[in-house]
Amino acid sequence: MTVLAIARSLNWPSVRLSDAAAFLLGTFLLAGAVHISTILLVPAMAESDGWSRLEPLAGADRFAEITAMGAGASGVGGLDPLFVNGACRLRLGDAPAGLALEARDRFWSLALYDPQGTIIFSLNDRTAVGGRLDMVVVNPGQNAQLQNSPPGAMDLTIVVESASDDLVALLRLFAPTQSGREDARRVLAQAECLPAPSVLPAR
């Protein structure tokens, strides 16, 4: 018996055209529902990025302390409660921003967020010179001015270029004990986050 004859002798289940059409229609409807649900969830998920969480609480020309979730009613999710956290708003449209910190005896980290929630730059006490933060944040135009006429007193200053004029700086100071938190708050209060027009050459 040939293979063709064997295949004809088998009792294959019959599939009606209407059943196949119903199956395909159901598949397309399910795929469409998943696609629409994903689109609708994008705004809600976007609220969890660093910018959306920090921007409303960031200080102007200073680092404002931000409480981690669980440590207070207005806490922000995603922050480690073992750290004292502070955020500062940077606006580069009129002048560069200068950031400075003296905290050589503890772990700290700094991150810059753009409005899309992307970290454009980060560093910590181990990558900073001597554990000290001395940074200037500029936009492309300001950076071009610095390159053409670099100031003489910026040999140890970190220069960061940002495509966005609007940023949030998040400073985290490790403070696992109550006394450590009090000391970290003093360091945070003394940290600088200010416009720095003087770094640009005079026009």
C-alpha atoms as a PDB file:
ATOM      1  CA  MET A   1       0.000   0.000   0.000  1.00  0.00           C
ATOM      2  CA  THR A   2       1.342   3.362  -0.983  1.00  0.00           C
ATOM      3  CA  VAL A   3       1.694   6.315   1.344  1.00  0.00           C
ATOM      4  CA  LEU A   4      -1.059   8.132  -0.536  1.00  0.00           C
ATOM      5  CA  ALA A   5      -3.402   5.193  -0.058  1.00  0.00           C
ATOM      6  CA  ILE A   6      -2.630   5.046   3.662  1.00  0.00           C
ATOM      7  CA  ALA A   7      -3.307   8.748   4.004  1.00  0.00           C
ATOM      8  CA  ARG A   8      -6.665   8.361   2.239  1.00  0.00           C
ATOM      9  CA  SER A   9      -7.642   5.452   4.462  1.00  0.00           C
ATOM     10  CA  LEU A  10      -7.131   7.423   7.662  1.00  0.00           C
ATOM     11  CA  ASN A  11     -10.138   9.090   9.259  1.00  0.00           C
ATOM     12  CA  TRP A  12      -8.978  12.719   9.270  1.00  0.00           C
ATOM     13  CA  PRO A  13     -11.125  15.167  11.272  1.00  0.00           C
ATOM     14  CA  SER A  14     -12.966  17.588   9.050  1.00  0.00           C
ATOM     15  CA  VAL A  15     -12.560  21.318   9.633  1.00  0.00           C
ATOM     16  CA  ARG A  16     -15.269  23.604   8.375  1.00  0.00           C
ATOM     17  CA  LEU A  17     -14.331  26.898   6.770  1.00  0.00           C
ATOM     18  CA  SER A  18     -16.525  28.795   9.231  1.00  0.00           C
ATOM     19  CA  ASP A  19     -14.628  27.284  12.208  1.00  0.00           C
ATOM     20  CA  ALA A  20     -11.272  28.306  10.745  1.00  0.00           C
ATOM     21  CA  ALA A  21     -12.545  31.814  10.087  1.00  0.00           C
ATOM     22  CA  ALA A  22     -13.850  32.081  13.658  1.00  0.00           C
ATOM     23  CA  PHE A  23     -10.478  30.922  15.026  1.00  0.00           C
ATOM     24  CA  LEU A  24      -8.568  33.471  12.957  1.00  0.00           C
ATOM     25  CA  LEU A  25     -10.972  36.248  13.934  1.00  0.00           C
ATOM     26  CA  GLY A  26     -10.582  35.394  17.623  1.00  0.00           C
ATOM     27  CA  THR A  27      -6.785  35.397  17.289  1.00  0.00           C
ATOM     28  CA  PHE A  28      -6.798  38.834  15.645  1.00  0.00           C
ATOM     29  CA  LEU A  29      -9.165  40.231  18.287  1.00  0.00           C
ATOM     30  CA  LEU A  30      -6.982  38.903  21.108  1.00  0.00           C
ATOM     31  CA  ALA A  31      -3.832  40.349  19.534  1.00  0.00           C
ATOM     32  CA  GLY A  32      -5.565  43.689  19.100  1.00  0.00           C
ATOM     33  CA  ALA A  33      -6.705  43.746  22.729  1.00  0.00           C
ATOM     34  CA  VAL A  34      -3.162  43.022  23.952  1.00  0.00           C
ATOM     35  CA  HIS A  35      -1.767  45.763  21.698  1.00  0.00           C
ATOM     36  CA  ILE A  36      -4.293  48.360  22.889  1.00  0.00           C
ATOM     37  CA  SER A  37      -3.722  47.420  26.528  1.00  0.00           C
ATOM     38  CA  THR A  38       0.027  47.870  26.097  1.00  0.00           C
ATOM     39  CA  ILE A  39      -0.470  51.339  24.605  1.00  0.00           C
ATOM     40  CA  LEU A  40      -2.795  52.369  27.446  1.00  0.00           C
ATOM     41  CA  LEU A  41      -0.306  51.131  30.053  1.00  0.00           C
ATOM     42  CA  VAL A  42       2.582  53.232  28.704  1.00  0.00           C
ATOM     43  CA  PRO A  43       1.625  56.479  30.550  1.00  0.00           C
ATOM     44  CA  ALA A  44       1.163  54.599  33.821  1.00  0.00           C
ATOM     45  CA  MET A  45       4.500  52.838  33.481  1.00  0.00           C
ATOM     46  CA  ALA A  46       6.215  56.092  32.523  1.00  0.00           C
ATOM     47  CA  GLU A  47       5.290  57.537  35.910  1.00  0.00           C
ATOM     48  CA  SER A  48       7.761  55.119  37.500  1.00  0.00           C
ATOM     49  CA  ASP A  49      10.824  56.651  35.817  1.00  0.00           C
ATOM     50  CA  GLY A  50      13.334  58.731  37.755  1.00  0.00           C
ATOM     51  CA  TRP A  51      12.270  62.076  36.315  1.00  0.00           C
ATOM     52  CA  SER A  52       8.566  61.679  37.101  1.00  0.00           C
ATOM     53  CA  ARG A  53       9.307  60.600  40.671  1.00  0.00           C
ATOM     54  CA  LEU A  54      11.935  63.233  41.481  1.00  0.00           C
ATOM     55  CA  GLU A  55      11.054  66.364  39.495  1.00  0.00           C
ATOM     56  CA  PRO A  56       8.075  67.475  41.658  1.00  0.00           C
ATOM     57  CA  LEU A  57      10.207  67.281  44.828  1.00  0.00           C
ATOM     58  CA  ALA A  58      13.566  68.562  43.553  1.00  0.00           C
ATOM     59  CA  GLY A  59      14.881  71.768  45.090  1.00  0.00           C
ATOM     60  CA  ALA A  60      15.671  74.942  43.132  1.00  0.00           C
ATOM     61  CA  ASP A  61      19.365  75.908  43.500  1.00  0.00           C
ATOM     62  CA  ARG A  62      19.724  73.432  46.353  1.00  0.00           C
ATOM     63  CA  PHE A  63      19.385  69.754  47.176  1.00  0.00           C
ATOM     64  CA  ALA A  64      16.026  69.053  48.817  1.00  0.00           C
ATOM     65  CA  GLU A  65      15.880  65.899  50.938  1.00  0.00           C
ATOM     66  CA  ILE A  66      13.548  63.244  49.555  1.00  0.00           C
ATOM     67  CA  THR A  67      12.215  60.508  51.799  1.00  0.00           C
ATOM     68  CA  ALA A  68      12.304  56.919  50.580  1.00  0.00           C
ATOM     69  CA  MET A  69       9.057  54.956  50.344  1.00  0.00           C
ATOM     70  CA  GLY A  70       8.196  53.358  53.694  1.00  0.00           C
ATOM     71  CA  ALA A  71      10.031  56.007  55.696  1.00  0.00           C
ATOM     72  CA  GLY A  72       7.279  58.612  55.410  1.00  0.00           C
ATOM     73  CA  ALA A  73       3.853  59.336  53.944  1.00  0.00           C
ATOM     74  CA  SER A  74       5.367  61.328  51.068  1.00  0.00           C
ATOM     75  CA  GLY A  75       8.076  58.788  50.344  1.00  0.00           C
ATOM     76  CA  VAL A  76       9.301  58.131  46.814  1.00  0.00           C
ATOM     77  CA  GLY A  77       9.461  54.591  45.478  1.00  0.00           C
ATOM     78  CA  GLY A  78      12.726  53.199  44.173  1.00  0.00           C
ATOM     79  CA  LEU A  79      14.952  54.955  46.743  1.00  0.00           C
ATOM     80  CA  ASP A  80      17.003  52.962  49.247  1.00  0.00           C
ATOM     81  CA  PRO A  81      15.966  53.799  52.855  1.00  0.00           C
ATOM     82  CA  LEU A  82      19.581  53.207  53.969  1.00  0.00           C
ATOM     83  CA  PHE A  83      20.535  56.407  52.125  1.00  0.00           C
ATOM     84  CA  VAL A  84      19.783  60.060  52.709  1.00  0.00           C
ATOM     85  CA  ASN A  85      18.563  61.228  49.296  1.00  0.00           C
ATOM     86  CA  GLY A  86      18.429  64.728  47.859  1.00  0.00           C
ATOM     87  CA  ALA A  87      17.340  66.095  44.482  1.00  0.00           C
ATOM     88  CA  CYS A  88      18.051  69.378  42.734  1.00  0.00           C
ATOM     89  CA  ARG A  89      16.583  70.830  39.529  1.00  0.00           C
ATOM     90  CA  LEU A  90      19.104  72.020  36.942  1.00  0.00           C
ATOM     91  CA  ARG A  91      18.125  74.560  34.274  1.00  0.00           C
ATOM     92  CA  LEU A  92      20.895  75.179  31.775  1.00  0.00           C
ATOM     93  CA  GLY A  93      19.082  77.601  29.497  1.00  0.00           C
ATOM     94  CA  ASP A  94      20.652  80.710  31.068  1.00  0.00           C
ATOM     95  CA  ALA A  95      23.851  79.354  32.626  1.00  0.00           C
ATOM     96  CA  PRO A  96      25.741  76.151  33.422  1.00  0.00           C
ATOM     97  CA  ALA A  97      25.063  74.441  36.736  1.00  0.00           C
ATOM     98  CA  GLY A  98      27.733  73.873  39.362  1.00  0.00           C
ATOM     99  CA  LEU A  99      27.573  70.913  41.748  1.00  0.00           C
ATOM    100  CA  ALA A 100      29.925  70.524  44.708  1.00  0.00           C
ATOM    101  CA  LEU A 101      30.085  68.173  47.677  1.00  0.00           C
ATOM    102  CA  GLU A 102      32.500  67.384  50.511  1.00  0.00           C
ATOM    103  CA  ALA A 103      31.859  63.852  51.809  1.00  0.00           C
ATOM    104  CA  ARG A 104      35.145  61.947  51.749  1.00  0.00           C
ATOM    105  CA  ASP A 105      34.304  59.689  54.694  1.00  0.00           C
ATOM    106  CA  ARG A 106      31.205  57.955  53.275  1.00  0.00           C
ATOM    107  CA  PHE A 107      29.835  56.318  50.152  1.00  0.00           C
ATOM    108  CA  TRP A 108      27.828  58.671  47.965  1.00  0.00           C
ATOM    109  CA  SER A 109      26.567  58.663  44.397  1.00  0.00           C
ATOM    110  CA  LEU A 110      25.167  61.244  42.015  1.00  0.00           C
ATOM    111  CA  ALA A 111      22.998  60.716  38.922  1.00  0.00           C
ATOM    112  CA  LEU A 112      21.642  63.180  36.361  1.00  0.00           C
ATOM    113  CA  TYR A 113      18.181  62.458  34.904  1.00  0.00           C
ATOM    114  CA  ASP A 114      16.771  64.035  31.750  1.00  0.00           C
ATOM    115  CA  PRO A 115      13.007  64.553  31.179  1.00  0.00           C
ATOM    116  CA  GLN A 116      12.757  61.125  29.502  1.00  0.00           C
ATOM    117  CA  GLY A 117      13.862  59.505  32.764  1.00  0.00           C
ATOM    118  CA  THR A 118      17.246  58.525  31.321  1.00  0.00           C
ATOM    119  CA  ILE A 119      20.370  58.744  33.466  1.00  0.00           C
ATOM    120  CA  ILE A 120      22.751  60.726  31.262  1.00  0.00           C
ATOM    121  CA  PHE A 121      25.648  60.672  33.750  1.00  0.00           C
ATOM    122  CA  SER A 122      26.508  59.142  37.115  1.00  0.00           C
ATOM    123  CA  LEU A 123      29.474  58.831  39.438  1.00  0.00           C
ATOM    124  CA  ASN A 124      30.258  58.021  43.065  1.00  0.00           C
ATOM    125  CA  ASP A 125      32.884  58.780  45.702  1.00  0.00           C
ATOM    126  CA  ARG A 126      35.203  56.123  44.285  1.00  0.00           C
ATOM    127  CA  THR A 127      35.277  57.600  40.791  1.00  0.00           C
ATOM    128  CA  ALA A 128      35.449  61.234  41.948  1.00  0.00           C
ATOM    129  CA  VAL A 129      38.839  62.797  42.653  1.00  0.00           C
ATOM    130  CA  GLY A 130      39.594  62.274  46.338  1.00  0.00           C
ATOM    131  CA  GLY A 131      35.938  61.450  47.017  1.00  0.00           C
ATOM    132  CA  ARG A 132      35.075  65.127  46.433  1.00  0.00           C
ATOM    133  CA  LEU A 133      32.458  66.281  43.938  1.00  0.00           C
ATOM    134  CA  ASP A 134      33.327  69.260  41.750  1.00  0.00           C
ATOM    135  CA  MET A 135      31.183  69.270  38.601  1.00  0.00           C
ATOM    136  CA  VAL A 136      29.900  71.674  35.991  1.00  0.00           C
ATOM    137  CA  VAL A 137      26.944  70.674  33.787  1.00  0.00           C
ATOM    138  CA  VAL A 138      26.650  72.448  30.437  1.00  0.00           C
ATOM    139  CA  ASN A 139      24.602  72.286  27.262  1.00  0.00           C
ATOM    140  CA  PRO A 140      26.349  71.903  23.865  1.00  0.00           C
ATOM    141  CA  GLY A 141      26.580  75.664  23.245  1.00  0.00           C
ATOM    142  CA  GLN A 142      28.094  76.329  26.675  1.00  0.00           C
ATOM    143  CA  ASN A 143      30.526  73.446  26.240  1.00  0.00           C
ATOM    144  CA  ALA A 144      31.696  74.947  22.940  1.00  0.00           C
ATOM    145  CA  GLN A 145      32.432  78.220  24.747  1.00  0.00           C
ATOM    146  CA  LEU A 146      34.419  76.344  27.395  1.00  0.00           C
ATOM    147  CA  GLN A 147      36.426  74.534  24.729  1.00  0.00           C
ATOM    148  CA  ASN A 148      37.271  77.810  22.974  1.00  0.00           C
ATOM    149  CA  SER A 149      38.257  79.641  26.177  1.00  0.00           C
ATOM    150  CA  PRO A 150      38.826  77.122  28.989  1.00  0.00           C
ATOM    151  CA  PRO A 151      39.094  78.648  32.471  1.00  0.00           C
ATOM    152  CA  GLY A 152      42.413  78.089  34.197  1.00  0.00           C
ATOM    153  CA  ALA A 153      41.023  76.861  37.522  1.00  0.00           C
ATOM    154  CA  MET A 154      39.047  73.839  36.280  1.00  0.00           C
ATOM    155  CA  ASP A 155      41.768  71.189  36.048  1.00  0.00           C
ATOM    156  CA  LEU A 156      40.011  68.905  38.565  1.00  0.00           C
ATOM    157  CA  THR A 157      36.451  69.885  37.628  1.00  0.00           C
ATOM    158  CA  ILE A 158      34.259  67.295  35.905  1.00  0.00           C
ATOM    159  CA  VAL A 159      32.481  68.821  32.906  1.00  0.00           C
ATOM    160  CA  VAL A 160      29.307  67.047  31.789  1.00  0.00           C
ATOM    161  CA  GLU A 161      27.504  67.974  28.580  1.00  0.00           C
ATOM    162  CA  SER A 162      23.746  67.496  28.395  1.00  0.00           C
ATOM    163  CA  ALA A 163      21.578  67.661  25.291  1.00  0.00           C
ATOM    164  CA  SER A 164      18.684  68.745  27.510  1.00  0.00           C
ATOM    165  CA  ASP A 165      18.584  72.081  29.341  1.00  0.00           C
ATOM    166  CA  ASP A 166      16.348  70.585  32.022  1.00  0.00           C
ATOM    167  CA  LEU A 167      17.748  67.971  34.412  1.00  0.00           C
ATOM    168  CA  VAL A 168      17.334  66.575  37.903  1.00  0.00           C
ATOM    169  CA  ALA A 169      20.384  65.658  39.993  1.00  0.00           C
ATOM    170  CA  LEU A 170      19.871  62.873  42.542  1.00  0.00           C
ATOM    171  CA  LEU A 171      22.431  62.741  45.364  1.00  0.00           C
ATOM    172  CA  ARG A 172      22.510  59.657  47.616  1.00  0.00           C
ATOM    173  CA  LEU A 173      24.505  59.522  50.874  1.00  0.00           C
ATOM    174  CA  PHE A 174      24.930  56.179  52.628  1.00  0.00           C
ATOM    175  CA  ALA A 175      23.630  56.490  56.204  1.00  0.00           C
ATOM    176  CA  PRO A 176      22.598  53.165  57.790  1.00  0.00           C
ATOM    177  CA  THR A 177      22.437  54.500  61.386  1.00  0.00           C
ATOM    178  CA  GLN A 178      20.529  57.337  63.042  1.00  0.00           C
ATOM    179  CA  SER A 179      23.704  59.282  63.826  1.00  0.00           C
ATOM    180  CA  GLY A 180      24.888  58.664  60.286  1.00  0.00           C
ATOM    181  CA  ARG A 181      21.633  60.068  58.920  1.00  0.00           C
ATOM    182  CA  GLU A 182      21.987  63.233  60.966  1.00  0.00           C
ATOM    183  CA  ASP A 183      25.523  63.724  59.673  1.00  0.00           C
ATOM    184  CA  ALA A 184      24.436  62.946  56.092  1.00  0.00           C
ATOM    185  CA  ARG A 185      21.694  65.570  56.343  1.00  0.00           C
ATOM    186  CA  ARG A 186      24.312  68.160  57.335  1.00  0.00           C
ATOM    187  CA  VAL A 187      26.408  67.162  54.317  1.00  0.00           C
ATOM    188  CA  LEU A 188      23.327  67.386  52.080  1.00  0.00           C
ATOM    189  CA  ALA A 189      22.474  70.847  53.405  1.00  0.00           C
ATOM    190  CA  GLN A 190      26.013  72.051  52.608  1.00  0.00           C
ATOM    191  CA  ALA A 191      26.139  70.504  49.120  1.00  0.00           C
ATOM    192  CA  GLU A 192      26.007  73.057  46.294  1.00  0.00           C
ATOM    193  CA  CYS A 193      23.693  73.001  43.298  1.00  0.00           C
ATOM    194  CA  LEU A 194      23.744  76.471  41.789  1.00  0.00           C
ATOM    195  CA  PRO A 195      23.870  78.322  38.473  1.00  0.00           C
ATOM    196  CA  ALA A 196      27.514  78.861  37.493  1.00  0.00           C
ATOM    197  CA  PRO A 197      27.663  81.617  34.853  1.00  0.00           C
ATOM    198  CA  SER A 198      31.194  82.571  35.906  1.00  0.00           C
ATOM    199  CA  VAL A 199      32.708  79.456  34.303  1.00  0.00           C
ATOM    200  CA  LEU A 200      31.889  80.812  30.847  1.00  0.00           C
ATOM    201  CA  PRO A 201      34.137  83.419  29.223  1.00  0.00           C
ATOM    202  CA  ALA A 202      32.860  86.984  29.442  1.00  0.00           C
ATOM    203  CA  ARG A 203      31.141  88.233  26.308  1.00  0.00           C
END
